[in-house]
């Protein structure tokens, strides 16, 4: 799984809870702020066993920091900086991410819950 795939999963999970509709945007944005730690990985609707995550030391080395509409994702020596755009009016809710600095620069990429 690539660094950016991990970020999409983390972002999608972060929007999984909360209100819907236009009033939810500020609530969702506020709930995303701060430092995040990896607790699971899912790809193609399959959750990776925690033993695999621990073997790869991902829990200790994968970190996500969100401040305002900016995000920094660190995985060991790799750092991605992103711009986030939330859409709480869609079902499922969406986060659109544009990588502004790092190895997979570009986008936008969308994560949804």
PDB file of N, CA and C in Angstrom:
ATOM      1  N   UNK A   1       0.847  -1.171   0.000  1.00  0.00           N
ATOM      2  CA  UNK A   1       0.000   0.000   0.000  1.00  0.00           C
ATOM      3  C   UNK A   1       0.891   1.231   0.000  1.00  0.00           C
ATOM      4  N   UNK A   2       0.604   2.195  -0.834  1.00  0.00           N
ATOM      5  CA  UNK A   2       1.448   3.369  -0.930  1.00  0.00           C
ATOM      6  C   UNK A   2       1.189   4.331   0.223  1.00  0.00           C
ATOM      7  N   UNK A   3       2.117   5.281   0.383  1.00  0.00           N
ATOM      8  CA  UNK A   3       1.972   6.300   1.412  1.00  0.00           C
ATOM      9  C   UNK A   3       0.662   7.051   1.232  1.00  0.00           C
ATOM     10  N   UNK A   4       0.343   7.416  -0.004  1.00  0.00           N
ATOM     11  CA  UNK A   4      -0.865   8.186  -0.230  1.00  0.00           C
ATOM     12  C   UNK A   4      -2.118   7.363   0.018  1.00  0.00           C
ATOM     13  N   UNK A   5      -2.079   6.079  -0.265  1.00  0.00           N
ATOM     14  CA  UNK A   5      -3.224   5.220   0.036  1.00  0.00           C
ATOM     15  C   UNK A   5      -3.504   5.211   1.525  1.00  0.00           C
ATOM     16  N   UNK A   6      -2.459   5.155   2.337  1.00  0.00           N
ATOM     17  CA  UNK A   6      -2.637   5.212   3.786  1.00  0.00           C
ATOM     18  C   UNK A   6      -3.301   6.512   4.201  1.00  0.00           C
ATOM     19  N   UNK A   7      -2.903   7.600   3.588  1.00  0.00           N
ATOM     20  CA  UNK A   7      -3.476   8.899   3.905  1.00  0.00           C
ATOM     21  C   UNK A   7      -4.950   8.963   3.533  1.00  0.00           C
ATOM     22  N   UNK A   8      -5.316   8.442   2.371  1.00  0.00           N
ATOM     23  CA  UNK A   8      -6.714   8.432   1.967  1.00  0.00           C
ATOM     24  C   UNK A   8      -7.563   7.652   2.953  1.00  0.00           C
ATOM     25  N   UNK A   9      -7.078   6.513   3.387  1.00  0.00           N
ATOM     26  CA  UNK A   9      -7.816   5.705   4.353  1.00  0.00           C
ATOM     27  C   UNK A   9      -7.987   6.468   5.650  1.00  0.00           C
ATOM     28  N   UNK A  10      -6.919   7.059   6.153  1.00  0.00           N
ATOM     29  CA  UNK A  10      -6.989   7.810   7.413  1.00  0.00           C
ATOM     30  C   UNK A  10      -7.981   8.959   7.301  1.00  0.00           C
ATOM     31  N   UNK A  11      -7.966   9.659   6.206  1.00  0.00           N
ATOM     32  CA  UNK A  11      -8.856  10.796   6.026  1.00  0.00           C
ATOM     33  C   UNK A  11     -10.304  10.362   5.902  1.00  0.00           C
ATOM     34  N   UNK A  12     -10.540   9.296   5.172  1.00  0.00           N
ATOM     35  CA  UNK A  12     -11.904   8.800   5.025  1.00  0.00           C
ATOM     36  C   UNK A  12     -12.497   8.360   6.340  1.00  0.00           C
ATOM     37  N   UNK A  13     -11.714   7.703   7.160  1.00  0.00           N
ATOM     38  CA  UNK A  13     -12.194   7.267   8.461  1.00  0.00           C
ATOM     39  C   UNK A  13     -12.486   8.436   9.375  1.00  0.00           C
ATOM     40  N   UNK A  14     -11.722   9.496   9.265  1.00  0.00           N
ATOM     41  CA  UNK A  14     -11.914  10.653  10.127  1.00  0.00           C
ATOM     42  C   UNK A  14     -13.260  11.330   9.874  1.00  0.00           C
ATOM     43  N   UNK A  15     -13.801  11.242   8.683  1.00  0.00           N
ATOM     44  CA  UNK A  15     -15.088  11.860   8.378  1.00  0.00           C
ATOM     45  C   UNK A  15     -16.264  10.932   8.624  1.00  0.00           C
ATOM     46  N   UNK A  16     -16.017   9.743   9.084  1.00  0.00           N
ATOM     47  CA  UNK A  16     -17.070   8.739   9.191  1.00  0.00           C
ATOM     48  C   UNK A  16     -18.162   9.104  10.183  1.00  0.00           C
ATOM     49  N   UNK A  17     -17.888   9.942  11.144  1.00  0.00           N
ATOM     50  CA  UNK A  17     -18.884  10.294  12.138  1.00  0.00           C
ATOM     51  C   UNK A  17     -19.239  11.762  12.023  1.00  0.00           C
ATOM     52  N   UNK A  18     -20.395  12.144  12.549  1.00  0.00           N
ATOM     53  CA  UNK A  18     -20.766  13.547  12.578  1.00  0.00           C
ATOM     54  C   UNK A  18     -22.061  13.813  11.853  1.00  0.00           C
ATOM     55  N   UNK A  19     -22.463  15.079  11.878  1.00  0.00           N
ATOM     56  CA  UNK A  19     -23.702  15.519  11.271  1.00  0.00           C
ATOM     57  C   UNK A  19     -23.575  15.559   9.757  1.00  0.00           C
ATOM     58  N   UNK A  20     -24.706  15.754   9.087  1.00  0.00           N
ATOM     59  CA  UNK A  20     -24.697  15.916   7.639  1.00  0.00           C
ATOM     60  C   UNK A  20     -25.284  17.275   7.296  1.00  0.00           C
ATOM     61  N   UNK A  21     -25.090  17.708   6.061  1.00  0.00           N
ATOM     62  CA  UNK A  21     -25.638  18.973   5.617  1.00  0.00           C
ATOM     63  C   UNK A  21     -24.642  20.106   5.749  1.00  0.00           C
ATOM     64  N   UNK A  22     -25.033  21.302   5.285  1.00  0.00           N
ATOM     65  CA  UNK A  22     -24.121  22.444   5.267  1.00  0.00           C
ATOM     66  C   UNK A  22     -23.592  22.839   6.652  1.00  0.00           C
ATOM     67  N   UNK A  23     -24.419  22.728   7.685  1.00  0.00           N
ATOM     68  CA  UNK A  23     -23.990  23.106   9.028  1.00  0.00           C
ATOM     69  C   UNK A  23     -22.906  22.177   9.574  1.00  0.00           C
ATOM     70  N   UNK A  24     -22.735  21.031   8.967  1.00  0.00           N
ATOM     71  CA  UNK A  24     -21.763  20.046   9.445  1.00  0.00           C
ATOM     72  C   UNK A  24     -20.330  20.400   9.067  1.00  0.00           C
ATOM     73  N   UNK A  25     -20.137  21.283   8.081  1.00  0.00           N
ATOM     74  CA  UNK A  25     -18.787  21.575   7.600  1.00  0.00           C
ATOM     75  C   UNK A  25     -17.875  22.067   8.708  1.00  0.00           C
ATOM     76  N   UNK A  26     -18.302  23.048   9.480  1.00  0.00           N
ATOM     77  CA  UNK A  26     -17.424  23.565  10.536  1.00  0.00           C
ATOM     78  C   UNK A  26     -17.218  22.533  11.634  1.00  0.00           C
ATOM     79  N   UNK A  27     -18.235  21.752  11.930  1.00  0.00           N
ATOM     80  CA  UNK A  27     -18.101  20.696  12.938  1.00  0.00           C
ATOM     81  C   UNK A  27     -17.128  19.627  12.469  1.00  0.00           C
ATOM     82  N   UNK A  28     -17.261  19.204  11.213  1.00  0.00           N
ATOM     83  CA  UNK A  28     -16.357  18.192  10.669  1.00  0.00           C
ATOM     84  C   UNK A  28     -14.929  18.711  10.602  1.00  0.00           C
ATOM     85  N   UNK A  29     -14.762  19.959  10.157  1.00  0.00           N
ATOM     86  CA  UNK A  29     -13.420  20.542  10.070  1.00  0.00           C
ATOM     87  C   UNK A  29     -12.787  20.589  11.464  1.00  0.00           C
ATOM     88  N   UNK A  30     -13.544  21.010  12.465  1.00  0.00           N
ATOM     89  CA  UNK A  30     -13.025  21.092  13.833  1.00  0.00           C
ATOM     90  C   UNK A  30     -12.656  19.708  14.369  1.00  0.00           C
ATOM     91  N   UNK A  31     -13.444  18.696  14.025  1.00  0.00           N
ATOM     92  CA  UNK A  31     -13.172  17.350  14.544  1.00  0.00           C
ATOM     93  C   UNK A  31     -11.928  16.721  13.928  1.00  0.00           C
ATOM     94  N   UNK A  32     -11.476  17.240  12.791  1.00  0.00           N
ATOM     95  CA  UNK A  32     -10.288  16.698  12.132  1.00  0.00           C
ATOM     96  C   UNK A  32      -8.980  17.295  12.645  1.00  0.00           C
ATOM     97  N   UNK A  33      -9.047  18.421  13.333  1.00  0.00           N
ATOM     98  CA  UNK A  33      -7.840  19.147  13.733  1.00  0.00           C
ATOM     99  C   UNK A  33      -6.997  18.344  14.717  1.00  0.00           C
ATOM    100  N   UNK A  34      -5.667  18.499  14.619  1.00  0.00           N
ATOM    101  CA  UNK A  34      -4.762  17.878  15.569  1.00  0.00           C
ATOM    102  C   UNK A  34      -3.923  16.768  14.971  1.00  0.00           C
ATOM    103  N   UNK A  35      -3.342  15.977  15.863  1.00  0.00           N
ATOM    104  CA  UNK A  35      -2.457  14.872  15.481  1.00  0.00           C
ATOM    105  C   UNK A  35      -3.239  13.566  15.480  1.00  0.00           C
ATOM    106  N   UNK A  36      -2.988  12.746  14.469  1.00  0.00           N
ATOM    107  CA  UNK A  36      -3.658  11.452  14.318  1.00  0.00           C
ATOM    108  C   UNK A  36      -2.619  10.343  14.271  1.00  0.00           C
ATOM    109  N   UNK A  37      -3.002   9.194  14.786  1.00  0.00           N
ATOM    110  CA  UNK A  37      -2.141   8.016  14.778  1.00  0.00           C
ATOM    111  C   UNK A  37      -2.853   6.884  14.047  1.00  0.00           C
ATOM    112  N   UNK A  38      -2.099   6.128  13.278  1.00  0.00           N
ATOM    113  CA  UNK A  38      -2.642   5.001  12.531  1.00  0.00           C
ATOM    114  C   UNK A  38      -3.109   3.906  13.492  1.00  0.00           C
ATOM    115  N   UNK A  39      -4.354   3.451  13.305  1.00  0.00           N
ATOM    116  CA  UNK A  39      -4.863   2.352  14.127  1.00  0.00           C
ATOM    117  C   UNK A  39      -5.313   1.165  13.283  1.00  0.00           C
ATOM    118  N   UNK A  40      -5.542   1.380  11.977  1.00  0.00           N
ATOM    119  CA  UNK A  40      -5.883   0.266  11.098  1.00  0.00           C
ATOM    120  C   UNK A  40      -5.664   0.705   9.651  1.00  0.00           C
ATOM    121  N   UNK A  41      -5.594  -0.283   8.780  1.00  0.00           N
ATOM    122  CA  UNK A  41      -5.441  -0.036   7.349  1.00  0.00           C
ATOM    123  C   UNK A  41      -6.488  -0.872   6.626  1.00  0.00           C
ATOM    124  N   UNK A  42      -7.171  -0.240   5.684  1.00  0.00           N
ATOM    125  CA  UNK A  42      -8.150  -0.937   4.863  1.00  0.00           C
ATOM    126  C   UNK A  42      -7.896  -0.600   3.409  1.00  0.00           C
ATOM    127  N   UNK A  43      -7.898  -1.610   2.565  1.00  0.00           N
ATOM    128  CA  UNK A  43      -7.753  -1.410   1.129  1.00  0.00           C
ATOM    129  C   UNK A  43      -8.703  -2.359   0.425  1.00  0.00           C
ATOM    130  N   UNK A  44      -9.429  -1.847  -0.556  1.00  0.00           N
ATOM    131  CA  UNK A  44     -10.389  -2.662  -1.305  1.00  0.00           C
ATOM    132  C   UNK A  44     -11.356  -3.388  -0.374  1.00  0.00           C
ATOM    133  N   UNK A  45     -11.809  -2.680   0.650  1.00  0.00           N
ATOM    134  CA  UNK A  45     -12.780  -3.190   1.617  1.00  0.00           C
ATOM    135  C   UNK A  45     -12.264  -4.355   2.457  1.00  0.00           C
ATOM    136  N   UNK A  46     -10.939  -4.502   2.529  1.00  0.00           N
ATOM    137  CA  UNK A  46     -10.347  -5.551   3.361  1.00  0.00           C
ATOM    138  C   UNK A  46      -9.436  -4.890   4.391  1.00  0.00           C
ATOM    139  N   UNK A  47      -9.660  -5.226   5.658  1.00  0.00           N
ATOM    140  CA  UNK A  47      -8.860  -4.668   6.741  1.00  0.00           C
ATOM    141  C   UNK A  47      -7.609  -5.515   6.919  1.00  0.00           C
ATOM    142  N   UNK A  48      -6.459  -4.846   6.979  1.00  0.00           N
ATOM    143  CA  UNK A  48      -5.194  -5.561   7.197  1.00  0.00           C
ATOM    144  C   UNK A  48      -5.127  -6.026   8.649  1.00  0.00           C
ATOM    145  N   UNK A  49      -4.676  -7.253   8.878  1.00  0.00           N
ATOM    146  CA  UNK A  49      -4.535  -7.742  10.253  1.00  0.00           C
ATOM    147  C   UNK A  49      -3.549  -6.868  11.033  1.00  0.00           C
ATOM    148  N   UNK A  50      -3.856  -6.584  12.283  1.00  0.00           N
ATOM    149  CA  UNK A  50      -3.005  -5.735  13.111  1.00  0.00           C
ATOM    150  C   UNK A  50      -1.589  -6.292  13.214  1.00  0.00           C
ATOM    151  N   UNK A  51      -1.429  -7.601  13.122  1.00  0.00           N
ATOM    152  CA  UNK A  51      -0.092  -8.198  13.182  1.00  0.00           C
ATOM    153  C   UNK A  51       0.782  -7.673  12.036  1.00  0.00           C
ATOM    154  N   UNK A  52       0.190  -7.522  10.843  1.00  0.00           N
ATOM    155  CA  UNK A  52       0.944  -7.001   9.696  1.00  0.00           C
ATOM    156  C   UNK A  52       1.322  -5.545   9.905  1.00  0.00           C
ATOM    157  N   UNK A  53       0.417  -4.777  10.469  1.00  0.00           N
ATOM    158  CA  UNK A  53       0.687  -3.358  10.720  1.00  0.00           C
ATOM    159  C   UNK A  53       1.807  -3.208  11.738  1.00  0.00           C
ATOM    160  N   UNK A  54       1.779  -4.028  12.783  1.00  0.00           N
ATOM    161  CA  UNK A  54       2.808  -3.951  13.822  1.00  0.00           C
ATOM    162  C   UNK A  54       4.159  -4.428  13.299  1.00  0.00           C
ATOM    163  N   UNK A  55       4.150  -5.452  12.439  1.00  0.00           N
ATOM    164  CA  UNK A  55       5.401  -5.958  11.869  1.00  0.00           C
ATOM    165  C   UNK A  55       6.076  -4.863  11.055  1.00  0.00           C
ATOM    166  N   UNK A  56       5.306  -4.122  10.290  1.00  0.00           N
ATOM    167  CA  UNK A  56       5.858  -3.036   9.496  1.00  0.00           C
ATOM    168  C   UNK A  56       6.147  -1.785  10.298  1.00  0.00           C
ATOM    169  N   UNK A  57       5.883  -1.814  11.599  1.00  0.00           N
ATOM    170  CA  UNK A  57       6.139  -0.682  12.489  1.00  0.00           C
ATOM    171  C   UNK A  57       5.356   0.558  12.072  1.00  0.00           C
ATOM    172  N   UNK A  58       4.256   0.385  11.332  1.00  0.00           N
ATOM    173  CA  UNK A  58       3.499   1.516  10.816  1.00  0.00           C
ATOM    174  C   UNK A  58       2.838   2.332  11.913  1.00  0.00           C
ATOM    175  N   UNK A  59       2.431   1.686  12.991  1.00  0.00           N
ATOM    176  CA  UNK A  59       1.766   2.409  14.077  1.00  0.00           C
ATOM    177  C   UNK A  59       2.690   3.479  14.643  1.00  0.00           C
ATOM    178  N   UNK A  60       3.968   3.178  14.753  1.00  0.00           N
ATOM    179  CA  UNK A  60       4.912   4.121  15.329  1.00  0.00           C
ATOM    180  C   UNK A  60       5.381   5.176  14.329  1.00  0.00           C
ATOM    181  N   UNK A  61       5.464   4.837  13.054  1.00  0.00           N
ATOM    182  CA  UNK A  61       6.074   5.760  12.096  1.00  0.00           C
ATOM    183  C   UNK A  61       5.078   6.567  11.258  1.00  0.00           C
ATOM    184  N   UNK A  62       3.818   6.180  11.200  1.00  0.00           N
ATOM    185  CA  UNK A  62       2.831   6.912  10.402  1.00  0.00           C
ATOM    186  C   UNK A  62       2.134   7.947  11.279  1.00  0.00           C
ATOM    187  N   UNK A  63       2.243   9.224  10.904  1.00  0.00           N
ATOM    188  CA  UNK A  63       1.626  10.306  11.666  1.00  0.00           C
ATOM    189  C   UNK A  63       0.921  11.267  10.716  1.00  0.00           C
ATOM    190  N   UNK A  64      -0.209  11.771  11.139  1.00  0.00           N
ATOM    191  CA  UNK A  64      -1.007  12.705  10.358  1.00  0.00           C
ATOM    192  C   UNK A  64      -1.305  13.912  11.231  1.00  0.00           C
ATOM    193  N   UNK A  65      -1.003  15.102  10.720  1.00  0.00           N
ATOM    194  CA  UNK A  65      -1.237  16.350  11.452  1.00  0.00           C
ATOM    195  C   UNK A  65      -2.128  17.242  10.589  1.00  0.00           C
ATOM    196  N   UNK A  66      -3.249  17.708  11.164  1.00  0.00           N
ATOM    197  CA  UNK A  66      -4.165  18.570  10.425  1.00  0.00           C
ATOM    198  C   UNK A  66      -4.304  19.896  11.172  1.00  0.00           C
ATOM    199  N   UNK A  67      -4.104  20.984  10.426  1.00  0.00           N
ATOM    200  CA  UNK A  67      -4.278  22.321  10.973  1.00  0.00           C
ATOM    201  C   UNK A  67      -4.989  23.165   9.918  1.00  0.00           C
ATOM    202  N   UNK A  68      -6.215  23.583  10.245  1.00  0.00           N
ATOM    203  CA  UNK A  68      -7.016  24.325   9.274  1.00  0.00           C
ATOM    204  C   UNK A  68      -7.329  23.453   8.080  1.00  0.00           C
ATOM    205  N   UNK A  69      -7.017  23.947   6.885  1.00  0.00           N
ATOM    206  CA  UNK A  69      -7.242  23.143   5.683  1.00  0.00           C
ATOM    207  C   UNK A  69      -5.929  22.581   5.142  1.00  0.00           C
ATOM    208  N   UNK A  70      -4.924  22.531   5.993  1.00  0.00           N
ATOM    209  CA  UNK A  70      -3.605  21.979   5.630  1.00  0.00           C
ATOM    210  C   UNK A  70      -3.354  20.703   6.412  1.00  0.00           C
ATOM    211  N   UNK A  71      -2.619  19.803   5.781  1.00  0.00           N
ATOM    212  CA  UNK A  71      -2.342  18.510   6.390  1.00  0.00           C
ATOM    213  C   UNK A  71      -0.897  18.133   6.104  1.00  0.00           C
ATOM    214  N   UNK A  72      -0.248  17.538   7.095  1.00  0.00           N
ATOM    215  CA  UNK A  72       1.088  16.980   6.917  1.00  0.00           C
ATOM    216  C   UNK A  72       0.999  15.510   7.285  1.00  0.00           C
ATOM    217  N   UNK A  73       1.452  14.654   6.375  1.00  0.00           N
ATOM    218  CA  UNK A  73       1.465  13.211   6.615  1.00  0.00           C
ATOM    219  C   UNK A  73       2.909  12.747   6.583  1.00  0.00           C
ATOM    220  N   UNK A  74       3.334  12.073   7.662  1.00  0.00           N
ATOM    221  CA  UNK A  74       4.709  11.576   7.731  1.00  0.00           C
ATOM    222  C   UNK A  74       4.691  10.062   7.882  1.00  0.00           C
ATOM    223  N   UNK A  75       5.496   9.416   7.072  1.00  0.00           N
ATOM    224  CA  UNK A  75       5.682   7.974   7.150  1.00  0.00           C
ATOM    225  C   UNK A  75       7.180   7.742   7.085  1.00  0.00           C
ATOM    226  N   UNK A  76       7.800   7.612   8.258  1.00  0.00           N
ATOM    227  CA  UNK A  76       9.252   7.495   8.310  1.00  0.00           C
ATOM    228  C   UNK A  76       9.897   8.763   7.802  1.00  0.00           C
ATOM    229  N   UNK A  77      10.727   8.634   6.770  1.00  0.00           N
ATOM    230  CA  UNK A  77      11.427   9.778   6.192  1.00  0.00           C
ATOM    231  C   UNK A  77      10.618  10.498   5.110  1.00  0.00           C
ATOM    232  N   UNK A  78       9.458   9.971   4.744  1.00  0.00           N
ATOM    233  CA  UNK A  78       8.639  10.557   3.689  1.00  0.00           C
ATOM    234  C   UNK A  78       7.627  11.523   4.305  1.00  0.00           C
ATOM    235  N   UNK A  79       7.558  12.731   3.746  1.00  0.00           N
ATOM    236  CA  UNK A  79       6.597  13.735   4.208  1.00  0.00           C
ATOM    237  C   UNK A  79       5.780  14.235   3.032  1.00  0.00           C
ATOM    238  N   UNK A  80       4.466  14.265   3.218  1.00  0.00           N
ATOM    239  CA  UNK A  80       3.550  14.849   2.243  1.00  0.00           C
ATOM    240  C   UNK A  80       2.862  16.045   2.890  1.00  0.00           C
ATOM    241  N   UNK A  81       2.726  17.124   2.145  1.00  0.00           N
ATOM    242  CA  UNK A  81       1.947  18.270   2.601  1.00  0.00           C
ATOM    243  C   UNK A  81       0.768  18.396   1.641  1.00  0.00           C
ATOM    244  N   UNK A  82      -0.415  18.585   2.227  1.00  0.00           N
ATOM    245  CA  UNK A  82      -1.633  18.593   1.427  1.00  0.00           C
ATOM    246  C   UNK A  82      -2.539  19.758   1.779  1.00  0.00           C
ATOM    247  N   UNK A  83      -3.411  20.083   0.834  1.00  0.00           N
ATOM    248  CA  UNK A  83      -4.495  21.032   1.062  1.00  0.00           C
ATOM    249  C   UNK A  83      -5.783  20.211   1.074  1.00  0.00           C
ATOM    250  N   UNK A  84      -6.637  20.436   2.062  1.00  0.00           N
ATOM    251  CA  UNK A  84      -7.873  19.672   2.216  1.00  0.00           C
ATOM    252  C   UNK A  84      -9.081  20.528   1.893  1.00  0.00           C
ATOM    253  N   UNK A  85     -10.068  19.924   1.262  1.00  0.00           N
ATOM    254  CA  UNK A  85     -11.365  20.563   1.034  1.00  0.00           C
ATOM    255  C   UNK A  85     -12.432  19.561   1.452  1.00  0.00           C
ATOM    256  N   UNK A  86     -13.227  19.917   2.450  1.00  0.00           N
ATOM    257  CA  UNK A  86     -14.265  19.024   2.963  1.00  0.00           C
ATOM    258  C   UNK A  86     -15.587  19.302   2.265  1.00  0.00           C
ATOM    259  N   UNK A  87     -16.368  18.253   2.050  1.00  0.00           N
ATOM    260  CA  UNK A  87     -17.730  18.403   1.548  1.00  0.00           C
ATOM    261  C   UNK A  87     -18.635  17.540   2.396  1.00  0.00           C
ATOM    262  N   UNK A  88     -19.235  18.171   3.413  1.00  0.00           N
ATOM    263  CA  UNK A  88     -20.117  17.459   4.332  1.00  0.00           C
ATOM    264  C   UNK A  88     -21.526  17.329   3.795  1.00  0.00           C
ATOM    265  N   UNK A  89     -21.809  17.969   2.637  1.00  0.00           N
ATOM    266  CA  UNK A  89     -23.156  17.906   2.083  1.00  0.00           C
ATOM    267  C   UNK A  89     -23.381  16.638   1.282  1.00  0.00           C
ATOM    268  N   UNK A  90     -22.312  15.979   0.856  1.00  0.00           N
ATOM    269  CA  UNK A  90     -22.440  14.749   0.067  1.00  0.00           C
ATOM    270  C   UNK A  90     -22.656  13.550   0.973  1.00  0.00           C
ATOM    271  N   UNK A  91     -23.294  12.543   0.420  1.00  0.00           N
ATOM    272  CA  UNK A  91     -23.454  11.273   1.120  1.00  0.00           C
ATOM    273  C   UNK A  91     -22.884  10.198   0.216  1.00  0.00           C
ATOM    274  N   UNK A  92     -21.786   9.561   0.595  1.00  0.00           N
ATOM    275  CA  UNK A  92     -21.033   9.776   1.832  1.00  0.00           C
ATOM    276  C   UNK A  92     -20.234  11.077   1.787  1.00  0.00           C
ATOM    277  N   UNK A  93     -19.834  11.555   2.972  1.00  0.00           N
ATOM    278  CA  UNK A  93     -19.040  12.771   3.078  1.00  0.00           C
ATOM    279  C   UNK A  93     -17.710  12.580   2.350  1.00  0.00           C
ATOM    280  N   UNK A  94     -17.141  13.690   1.862  1.00  0.00           N
ATOM    281  CA  UNK A  94     -15.900  13.614   1.081  1.00  0.00           C
ATOM    282  C   UNK A  94     -14.834  14.548   1.618  1.00  0.00           C
ATOM    283  N   UNK A  95     -13.592  14.133   1.466  1.00  0.00           N
ATOM    284  CA  UNK A  95     -12.437  15.003   1.648  1.00  0.00           C
ATOM    285  C   UNK A  95     -11.690  14.970   0.326  1.00  0.00           C
ATOM    286  N   UNK A  96     -11.494  16.141  -0.252  1.00  0.00           N
ATOM    287  CA  UNK A  96     -10.690  16.241  -1.461  1.00  0.00           C
ATOM    288  C   UNK A  96      -9.316  16.741  -1.047  1.00  0.00           C
ATOM    289  N   UNK A  97      -8.278  16.019  -1.459  1.00  0.00           N
ATOM    290  CA  UNK A  97      -6.915  16.336  -1.045  1.00  0.00           C
ATOM    291  C   UNK A  97      -6.049  16.597  -2.264  1.00  0.00           C
ATOM    292  N   UNK A  98      -5.275  17.665  -2.170  1.00  0.00           N
ATOM    293  CA  UNK A  98      -4.306  17.980  -3.206  1.00  0.00           C
ATOM    294  C   UNK A  98      -2.929  17.983  -2.565  1.00  0.00           C
ATOM    295  N   UNK A  99      -2.035  17.147  -3.065  1.00  0.00           N
ATOM    296  CA  UNK A  99      -0.678  17.086  -2.528  1.00  0.00           C
ATOM    297  C   UNK A  99       0.081  18.299  -3.058  1.00  0.00           C
ATOM    298  N   UNK A 100       0.531  19.171  -2.149  1.00  0.00           N
ATOM    299  CA  UNK A 100       1.238  20.384  -2.537  1.00  0.00           C
ATOM    300  C   UNK A 100       2.748  20.225  -2.440  1.00  0.00           C
ATOM    301  N   UNK A 101       3.182  19.195  -1.714  1.00  0.00           N
ATOM    302  CA  UNK A 101       4.614  18.947  -1.569  1.00  0.00           C
ATOM    303  C   UNK A 101       4.826  17.488  -1.196  1.00  0.00           C
ATOM    304  N   UNK A 102       5.717  16.820  -1.903  1.00  0.00           N
ATOM    305  CA  UNK A 102       6.022  15.424  -1.592  1.00  0.00           C
ATOM    306  C   UNK A 102       6.122  14.578  -2.837  1.00  0.00           C
ATOM    307  N   UNK A 103       6.387  13.271  -2.657  1.00  0.00           N
ATOM    308  CA  UNK A 103       6.667  12.382  -3.779  1.00  0.00           C
ATOM    309  C   UNK A 103       5.499  12.143  -4.727  1.00  0.00           C
ATOM    310  N   UNK A 104       4.269  12.280  -4.281  1.00  0.00           N
ATOM    311  CA  UNK A 104       3.138  12.044  -5.184  1.00  0.00           C
ATOM    312  C   UNK A 104       2.327  13.331  -5.350  1.00  0.00           C
ATOM    313  N   UNK A 105       3.043  14.420  -5.672  1.00  0.00           N
ATOM    314  CA  UNK A 105       2.434  15.734  -5.816  1.00  0.00           C
ATOM    315  C   UNK A 105       1.365  15.720  -6.905  1.00  0.00           C
ATOM    316  N   UNK A 106       0.255  16.366  -6.639  1.00  0.00           N
ATOM    317  CA  UNK A 106      -0.819  16.443  -7.620  1.00  0.00           C
ATOM    318  C   UNK A 106      -2.176  16.249  -6.975  1.00  0.00           C
ATOM    319  N   UNK A 107      -3.108  15.869  -7.789  1.00  0.00           N
ATOM    320  CA  UNK A 107      -4.458  15.656  -7.287  1.00  0.00           C
ATOM    321  C   UNK A 107      -5.414  16.520  -8.070  1.00  0.00           C
ATOM    322  N   UNK A 108      -6.601  16.696  -7.606  1.00  0.00           N
ATOM    323  CA  UNK A 108      -7.071  16.286  -6.291  1.00  0.00           C
ATOM    324  C   UNK A 108      -7.423  14.796  -6.241  1.00  0.00           C
ATOM    325  N   UNK A 109      -7.326  14.260  -5.027  1.00  0.00           N
ATOM    326  CA  UNK A 109      -7.702  12.895  -4.720  1.00  0.00           C
ATOM    327  C   UNK A 109      -8.858  12.974  -3.744  1.00  0.00           C
ATOM    328  N   UNK A 110      -9.791  12.035  -3.820  1.00  0.00           N
ATOM    329  CA  UNK A 110     -10.964  12.086  -2.958  1.00  0.00           C
ATOM    330  C   UNK A 110     -11.034  10.859  -2.072  1.00  0.00           C
ATOM    331  N   UNK A 111     -11.323  11.108  -0.791  1.00  0.00           N
ATOM    332  CA  UNK A 111     -11.603  10.035   0.169  1.00  0.00           C
ATOM    333  C   UNK A 111     -13.027  10.231   0.635  1.00  0.00           C
ATOM    334  N   UNK A 112     -13.782   9.163   0.760  1.00  0.00           N
ATOM    335  CA  UNK A 112     -15.154   9.281   1.262  1.00  0.00           C
ATOM    336  C   UNK A 112     -15.398   8.184   2.279  1.00  0.00           C
ATOM    337  N   UNK A 113     -16.432   8.404   3.088  1.00  0.00           N
ATOM    338  CA  UNK A 113     -16.752   7.435   4.151  1.00  0.00           C
ATOM    339  C   UNK A 113     -17.856   6.525   3.721  1.00  0.00           C
TER     340      UNK A 113
END
